[in-house]
């Protein structure tokens, strides 16, 4: 997340960092594919595992 979201960006204040991170979280959880999850998003993985147990 650090390398994709806030690395090499200069922020004016701590709240600016918080806003950037908060705006990144939906992408990270709902759209970004994770290799450790078989190239599914965390949301896809959660749905798959919740309904197969």
Protein backbone atom coordinates (compact mmCIF):
# COMPACT_ATOMS: atom_id res chain seq x y z
CA UNK A 1 0.00 0.00 0.00
CA UNK A 2 2.79 2.40 0.86
CA UNK A 3 4.52 2.01 -2.49
CA UNK A 4 1.25 2.28 -4.43
CA UNK A 5 -0.45 5.02 -2.44
CA UNK A 6 1.85 7.43 -0.63
CA UNK A 7 5.46 6.74 -1.61
CA UNK A 8 7.27 9.76 -3.10
CA UNK A 9 4.36 12.13 -2.42
CA UNK A 10 4.80 15.20 -0.25
CA UNK A 11 1.79 15.97 1.89
CA UNK A 12 0.98 19.31 3.46
CA UNK A 13 -0.32 17.88 6.74
CA UNK A 14 -1.23 14.61 8.47
CA UNK A 15 -4.89 14.95 7.48
CA UNK A 16 -3.89 14.99 3.80
CA UNK A 17 -2.14 11.64 4.29
CA UNK A 18 -5.21 10.26 6.07
CA UNK A 19 -7.50 11.40 3.24
CA UNK A 20 -5.25 9.76 0.63
CA UNK A 21 -5.14 6.48 2.54
CA UNK A 22 -8.91 6.49 3.16
CA UNK A 23 -9.54 7.02 -0.55
CA UNK A 24 -7.17 4.15 -1.44
CA UNK A 25 -8.73 1.52 0.85
CA UNK A 26 -11.84 0.83 -1.31
CA UNK A 27 -9.60 0.24 -4.34
CA UNK A 28 -7.27 -1.99 -2.33
CA UNK A 29 -10.09 -4.13 -0.94
CA UNK A 30 -12.53 -4.19 -3.84
CA UNK A 31 -10.59 -3.87 -7.10
CA UNK A 32 -6.89 -4.68 -6.64
CA UNK A 33 -6.02 -8.30 -7.41
CA UNK A 34 -3.74 -10.00 -4.88
CA UNK A 35 -1.37 -12.74 -5.96
CA UNK A 36 -1.55 -14.38 -2.53
CA UNK A 37 -5.31 -14.76 -3.00
CA UNK A 38 -5.09 -16.41 -6.40
CA UNK A 39 -5.41 -13.06 -8.19
CA UNK A 40 -8.76 -12.30 -6.61
CA UNK A 41 -9.65 -9.15 -4.75
CA UNK A 42 -10.00 -9.48 -0.97
CA UNK A 43 -13.75 -9.03 -1.41
CA UNK A 44 -13.94 -11.81 -4.03
CA UNK A 45 -11.85 -14.08 -1.82
CA UNK A 46 -14.04 -13.38 1.20
CA UNK A 47 -17.19 -14.21 -0.73
CA UNK A 48 -15.68 -17.38 -2.16
CA UNK A 49 -14.47 -18.70 1.18
CA UNK A 50 -17.58 -17.65 3.09
CA UNK A 51 -19.87 -19.63 0.79
CA UNK A 52 -17.72 -22.75 0.42
CA UNK A 53 -17.44 -23.65 4.11
